């Protein structure tokens, strides 16, 4: 399984609601690419759950 390391977290405005959304930015260690995931989603992941890398569609554990 790939891993991704959190680099930073940014706040963006939801275009539909206008409310702020926290987005965690990760660096995929397998591809070197960076991607963002809504922090509220990541905070609900269990230790054995993962996201899929947008670069190679592989299961990726986020730290």
PDB file of N, CA and C in Angstrom:
ATOM      1  N   UNK A   1       0.850  -1.180   0.000  1.00  0.00           N
ATOM      2  CA  UNK A   1       0.000   0.000   0.000  1.00  0.00           C
ATOM      3  C   UNK A   1       0.889   1.234   0.000  1.00  0.00           C
ATOM      4  N   UNK A   2       0.510   2.216  -0.799  1.00  0.00           N
ATOM      5  CA  UNK A   2       1.214   3.499  -0.820  1.00  0.00           C
ATOM      6  C   UNK A   2       0.969   4.262   0.471  1.00  0.00           C
ATOM      7  N   UNK A   3       1.827   5.220   0.727  1.00  0.00           N
ATOM      8  CA  UNK A   3       1.604   6.143   1.835  1.00  0.00           C
ATOM      9  C   UNK A   3       1.712   7.568   1.318  1.00  0.00           C
ATOM     10  N   UNK A   4       1.054   8.468   2.020  1.00  0.00           N
ATOM     11  CA  UNK A   4       1.132   9.889   1.693  1.00  0.00           C
ATOM     12  C   UNK A   4       1.318  10.654   2.994  1.00  0.00           C
ATOM     13  N   UNK A   5       2.185  11.634   2.962  1.00  0.00           N
ATOM     14  CA  UNK A   5       2.528  12.415   4.141  1.00  0.00           C
ATOM     15  C   UNK A   5       1.892  13.793   4.029  1.00  0.00           C
ATOM     16  N   UNK A   6       1.235  14.228   5.102  1.00  0.00           N
ATOM     17  CA  UNK A   6       0.603  15.546   5.086  1.00  0.00           C
ATOM     18  C   UNK A   6       1.677  16.622   5.081  1.00  0.00           C
ATOM     19  N   UNK A   7       1.539  17.554   4.142  1.00  0.00           N
ATOM     20  CA  UNK A   7       2.483  18.649   3.988  1.00  0.00           C
ATOM     21  C   UNK A   7       1.964  19.902   4.691  1.00  0.00           C
ATOM     22  N   UNK A   8       0.692  20.194   4.498  1.00  0.00           N
ATOM     23  CA  UNK A   8       0.071  21.368   5.091  1.00  0.00           C
ATOM     24  C   UNK A   8      -1.438  21.221   5.033  1.00  0.00           C
ATOM     25  N   UNK A   9      -2.114  22.196   5.573  1.00  0.00           N
ATOM     26  CA  UNK A   9      -3.575  22.260   5.471  1.00  0.00           C
ATOM     27  C   UNK A   9      -3.935  23.677   5.062  1.00  0.00           C
ATOM     28  N   UNK A  10      -4.833  23.791   4.098  1.00  0.00           N
ATOM     29  CA  UNK A  10      -5.270  25.104   3.634  1.00  0.00           C
ATOM     30  C   UNK A  10      -6.776  25.227   3.834  1.00  0.00           C
ATOM     31  N   UNK A  11      -7.261  26.444   3.776  1.00  0.00           N
ATOM     32  CA  UNK A  11      -8.694  26.694   3.881  1.00  0.00           C
ATOM     33  C   UNK A  11      -9.149  27.317   2.561  1.00  0.00           C
ATOM     34  N   UNK A  12     -10.173  26.709   1.967  1.00  0.00           N
ATOM     35  CA  UNK A  12     -10.754  27.224   0.732  1.00  0.00           C
ATOM     36  C   UNK A  12     -12.241  27.468   0.953  1.00  0.00           C
ATOM     37  N   UNK A  13     -12.824  28.306   0.117  1.00  0.00           N
ATOM     38  CA  UNK A  13     -14.247  28.595   0.234  1.00  0.00           C
ATOM     39  C   UNK A  13     -15.045  27.650  -0.646  1.00  0.00           C
ATOM     40  N   UNK A  14     -16.035  26.979  -0.052  1.00  0.00           N
ATOM     41  CA  UNK A  14     -16.926  26.109  -0.813  1.00  0.00           C
ATOM     42  C   UNK A  14     -17.718  26.992  -1.782  1.00  0.00           C
ATOM     43  N   UNK A  15     -17.661  26.709  -3.081  1.00  0.00           N
ATOM     44  CA  UNK A  15     -18.347  27.571  -4.047  1.00  0.00           C
ATOM     45  C   UNK A  15     -19.867  27.519  -3.953  1.00  0.00           C
ATOM     46  N   UNK A  16     -20.414  26.454  -3.378  1.00  0.00           N
ATOM     47  CA  UNK A  16     -21.868  26.341  -3.259  1.00  0.00           C
ATOM     48  C   UNK A  16     -22.397  27.031  -2.011  1.00  0.00           C
ATOM     49  N   UNK A  17     -21.719  26.801  -0.886  1.00  0.00           N
ATOM     50  CA  UNK A  17     -22.226  27.327   0.383  1.00  0.00           C
ATOM     51  C   UNK A  17     -21.551  28.617   0.823  1.00  0.00           C
ATOM     52  N   UNK A  18     -20.334  28.844   0.318  1.00  0.00           N
ATOM     53  CA  UNK A  18     -19.567  30.000   0.755  1.00  0.00           C
ATOM     54  C   UNK A  18     -18.846  29.786   2.076  1.00  0.00           C
ATOM     55  N   UNK A  19     -19.027  28.612   2.683  1.00  0.00           N
ATOM     56  CA  UNK A  19     -18.382  28.321   3.959  1.00  0.00           C
ATOM     57  C   UNK A  19     -16.942  27.853   3.750  1.00  0.00           C
ATOM     58  N   UNK A  20     -16.088  28.057   4.759  1.00  0.00           N
ATOM     59  CA  UNK A  20     -14.705  27.592   4.637  1.00  0.00           C
ATOM     60  C   UNK A  20     -14.617  26.068   4.761  1.00  0.00           C
ATOM     61  N   UNK A  21     -13.709  25.484   4.004  1.00  0.00           N
ATOM     62  CA  UNK A  21     -13.453  24.042   4.038  1.00  0.00           C
ATOM     63  C   UNK A  21     -11.949  23.854   4.224  1.00  0.00           C
ATOM     64  N   UNK A  22     -11.575  23.046   5.200  1.00  0.00           N
ATOM     65  CA  UNK A  22     -10.170  22.735   5.443  1.00  0.00           C
ATOM     66  C   UNK A  22      -9.778  21.566   4.545  1.00  0.00           C
ATOM     67  N   UNK A  23      -8.701  21.755   3.797  1.00  0.00           N
ATOM     68  CA  UNK A  23      -8.215  20.736   2.867  1.00  0.00           C
ATOM     69  C   UNK A  23      -6.777  20.381   3.242  1.00  0.00           C
ATOM     70  N   UNK A  24      -6.559  19.105   3.532  1.00  0.00           N
ATOM     71  CA  UNK A  24      -5.219  18.613   3.847  1.00  0.00           C
ATOM     72  C   UNK A  24      -4.491  18.320   2.540  1.00  0.00           C
ATOM     73  N   UNK A  25      -3.263  18.815   2.429  1.00  0.00           N
ATOM     74  CA  UNK A  25      -2.442  18.587   1.242  1.00  0.00           C
ATOM     75  C   UNK A  25      -1.423  17.503   1.576  1.00  0.00           C
ATOM     76  N   UNK A  26      -1.397  16.463   0.739  1.00  0.00           N
ATOM     77  CA  UNK A  26      -0.527  15.307   0.958  1.00  0.00           C
ATOM     78  C   UNK A  26       0.457  15.131  -0.188  1.00  0.00           C
ATOM     79  N   UNK A  27       1.631  14.588   0.125  1.00  0.00           N
ATOM     80  CA  UNK A  27       2.604  14.185  -0.891  1.00  0.00           C
ATOM     81  C   UNK A  27       2.608  12.669  -0.945  1.00  0.00           C
ATOM     82  N   UNK A  28       2.271  12.139  -2.104  1.00  0.00           N
ATOM     83  CA  UNK A  28       2.253  10.689  -2.342  1.00  0.00           C
ATOM     84  C   UNK A  28       3.696  10.207  -2.466  1.00  0.00           C
ATOM     85  N   UNK A  29       4.125   9.330  -1.558  1.00  0.00           N
ATOM     86  CA  UNK A  29       5.525   8.899  -1.563  1.00  0.00           C
ATOM     87  C   UNK A  29       5.854   7.968  -2.729  1.00  0.00           C
ATOM     88  N   UNK A  30       4.859   7.343  -3.335  1.00  0.00           N
ATOM     89  CA  UNK A  30       5.111   6.441  -4.461  1.00  0.00           C
ATOM     90  C   UNK A  30       5.309   7.202  -5.766  1.00  0.00           C
ATOM     91  N   UNK A  31       4.559   8.280  -5.962  1.00  0.00           N
ATOM     92  CA  UNK A  31       4.613   9.001  -7.237  1.00  0.00           C
ATOM     93  C   UNK A  31       5.284  10.360  -7.133  1.00  0.00           C
ATOM     94  N   UNK A  32       5.367  10.895  -5.910  1.00  0.00           N
ATOM     95  CA  UNK A  32       5.920  12.238  -5.732  1.00  0.00           C
ATOM     96  C   UNK A  32       4.902  13.335  -5.969  1.00  0.00           C
ATOM     97  N   UNK A  33       3.695  12.958  -6.392  1.00  0.00           N
ATOM     98  CA  UNK A  33       2.649  13.941  -6.647  1.00  0.00           C
ATOM     99  C   UNK A  33       2.000  14.414  -5.357  1.00  0.00           C
ATOM    100  N   UNK A  34       1.354  15.556  -5.452  1.00  0.00           N
ATOM    101  CA  UNK A  34       0.661  16.097  -4.288  1.00  0.00           C
ATOM    102  C   UNK A  34      -0.822  16.201  -4.594  1.00  0.00           C
ATOM    103  N   UNK A  35      -1.649  15.954  -3.560  1.00  0.00           N
ATOM    104  CA  UNK A  35      -3.092  16.022  -3.739  1.00  0.00           C
ATOM    105  C   UNK A  35      -3.745  16.496  -2.451  1.00  0.00           C
ATOM    106  N   UNK A  36      -4.982  16.958  -2.559  1.00  0.00           N
ATOM    107  CA  UNK A  36      -5.711  17.459  -1.405  1.00  0.00           C
ATOM    108  C   UNK A  36      -6.945  16.623  -1.118  1.00  0.00           C
ATOM    109  N   UNK A  37      -7.271  16.506   0.169  1.00  0.00           N
ATOM    110  CA  UNK A  37      -8.455  15.775   0.625  1.00  0.00           C
ATOM    111  C   UNK A  37      -9.117  16.599   1.718  1.00  0.00           C
ATOM    112  N   UNK A  38     -10.434  16.683   1.665  1.00  0.00           N
ATOM    113  CA  UNK A  38     -11.190  17.387   2.702  1.00  0.00           C
ATOM    114  C   UNK A  38     -10.800  16.822   4.072  1.00  0.00           C
ATOM    115  N   UNK A  39     -10.343  17.691   4.950  1.00  0.00           N
ATOM    116  CA  UNK A  39      -9.875  17.257   6.266  1.00  0.00           C
ATOM    117  C   UNK A  39     -10.967  16.597   7.098  1.00  0.00           C
ATOM    118  N   UNK A  40     -12.208  16.997   6.908  1.00  0.00           N
ATOM    119  CA  UNK A  40     -13.288  16.373   7.674  1.00  0.00           C
ATOM    120  C   UNK A  40     -13.466  14.909   7.271  1.00  0.00           C
ATOM    121  N   UNK A  41     -13.163  14.574   6.023  1.00  0.00           N
ATOM    122  CA  UNK A  41     -13.209  13.173   5.585  1.00  0.00           C
ATOM    123  C   UNK A  41     -12.069  12.390   6.222  1.00  0.00           C
ATOM    124  N   UNK A  42     -10.869  12.939   6.155  1.00  0.00           N
ATOM    125  CA  UNK A  42      -9.689  12.258   6.682  1.00  0.00           C
ATOM    126  C   UNK A  42      -9.835  12.017   8.188  1.00  0.00           C
ATOM    127  N   UNK A  43     -10.425  12.962   8.901  1.00  0.00           N
ATOM    128  CA  UNK A  43     -10.539  12.829  10.357  1.00  0.00           C
ATOM    129  C   UNK A  43     -11.440  11.670  10.774  1.00  0.00           C
ATOM    130  N   UNK A  44     -12.263  11.174   9.862  1.00  0.00           N
ATOM    131  CA  UNK A  44     -13.154  10.055  10.178  1.00  0.00           C
ATOM    132  C   UNK A  44     -12.603   8.701   9.734  1.00  0.00           C
ATOM    133  N   UNK A  45     -11.441   8.686   9.107  1.00  0.00           N
ATOM    134  CA  UNK A  45     -10.849   7.422   8.670  1.00  0.00           C
ATOM    135  C   UNK A  45     -10.308   6.646   9.866  1.00  0.00           C
ATOM    136  N   UNK A  46     -10.558   5.349   9.867  1.00  0.00           N
ATOM    137  CA  UNK A  46      -9.971   4.461  10.875  1.00  0.00           C
ATOM    138  C   UNK A  46      -8.545   4.130  10.444  1.00  0.00           C
ATOM    139  N   UNK A  47      -7.774   3.527  11.345  1.00  0.00           N
ATOM    140  CA  UNK A  47      -6.377   3.206  11.039  1.00  0.00           C
ATOM    141  C   UNK A  47      -6.217   2.280   9.843  1.00  0.00           C
ATOM    142  N   UNK A  48      -7.216   1.423   9.595  1.00  0.00           N
ATOM    143  CA  UNK A  48      -7.110   0.468   8.492  1.00  0.00           C
ATOM    144  C   UNK A  48      -7.819   0.956   7.220  1.00  0.00           C
ATOM    145  N   UNK A  49      -8.254   2.209   7.196  1.00  0.00           N
ATOM    146  CA  UNK A  49      -8.908   2.771   6.015  1.00  0.00           C
ATOM    147  C   UNK A  49      -7.932   3.666   5.255  1.00  0.00           C
ATOM    148  N   UNK A  50      -8.226   3.925   4.004  1.00  0.00           N
ATOM    149  CA  UNK A  50      -7.298   4.630   3.141  1.00  0.00           C
ATOM    150  C   UNK A  50      -8.056   5.453   2.104  1.00  0.00           C
ATOM    151  N   UNK A  51      -7.311   6.230   1.334  1.00  0.00           N
ATOM    152  CA  UNK A  51      -7.846   6.935   0.172  1.00  0.00           C
ATOM    153  C   UNK A  51      -7.149   6.350  -1.060  1.00  0.00           C
ATOM    154  N   UNK A  52      -7.650   6.659  -2.227  1.00  0.00           N
ATOM    155  CA  UNK A  52      -6.994   6.218  -3.458  1.00  0.00           C
ATOM    156  C   UNK A  52      -6.189   7.374  -4.038  1.00  0.00           C
ATOM    157  N   UNK A  53      -4.956   7.076  -4.409  1.00  0.00           N
ATOM    158  CA  UNK A  53      -4.106   8.092  -5.016  1.00  0.00           C
ATOM    159  C   UNK A  53      -4.687   8.508  -6.370  1.00  0.00           C
ATOM    160  N   UNK A  54      -4.779   9.811  -6.622  1.00  0.00           N
ATOM    161  CA  UNK A  54      -5.265  10.256  -7.942  1.00  0.00           C
ATOM    162  C   UNK A  54      -4.229  10.036  -9.051  1.00  0.00           C
ATOM    163  N   UNK A  55      -3.019   9.647  -8.681  1.00  0.00           N
ATOM    164  CA  UNK A  55      -1.956   9.488  -9.670  1.00  0.00           C
ATOM    165  C   UNK A  55      -1.825   8.063 -10.198  1.00  0.00           C
ATOM    166  N   UNK A  56      -2.118   7.063  -9.342  1.00  0.00           N
ATOM    167  CA  UNK A  56      -1.978   5.680  -9.798  1.00  0.00           C
ATOM    168  C   UNK A  56      -3.128   4.781  -9.332  1.00  0.00           C
ATOM    169  N   UNK A  57      -4.169   5.379  -8.760  1.00  0.00           N
ATOM    170  CA  UNK A  57      -5.383   4.664  -8.329  1.00  0.00           C
ATOM    171  C   UNK A  57      -5.108   3.550  -7.324  1.00  0.00           C
ATOM    172  N   UNK A  58      -3.997   3.653  -6.613  1.00  0.00           N
ATOM    173  CA  UNK A  58      -3.643   2.653  -5.603  1.00  0.00           C
ATOM    174  C   UNK A  58      -4.151   3.087  -4.223  1.00  0.00           C
ATOM    175  N   UNK A  59      -4.502   2.118  -3.370  1.00  0.00           N
ATOM    176  CA  UNK A  59      -4.865   2.471  -2.001  1.00  0.00           C
ATOM    177  C   UNK A  59      -3.679   3.172  -1.329  1.00  0.00           C
ATOM    178  N   UNK A  60      -3.973   4.260  -0.642  1.00  0.00           N
ATOM    179  CA  UNK A  60      -2.910   5.079  -0.057  1.00  0.00           C
ATOM    180  C   UNK A  60      -3.261   5.426   1.386  1.00  0.00           C
ATOM    181  N   UNK A  61      -2.382   5.064   2.291  1.00  0.00           N
ATOM    182  CA  UNK A  61      -2.562   5.402   3.712  1.00  0.00           C
ATOM    183  C   UNK A  61      -2.085   6.841   3.906  1.00  0.00           C
ATOM    184  N   UNK A  62      -2.939   7.676   4.493  1.00  0.00           N
ATOM    185  CA  UNK A  62      -2.558   9.061   4.750  1.00  0.00           C
ATOM    186  C   UNK A  62      -2.158   9.216   6.201  1.00  0.00           C
ATOM    187  N   UNK A  63      -1.056   9.936   6.430  1.00  0.00           N
ATOM    188  CA  UNK A  63      -0.543  10.166   7.786  1.00  0.00           C
ATOM    189  C   UNK A  63      -0.888  11.568   8.235  1.00  0.00           C
TER     190      UNK A  63
END
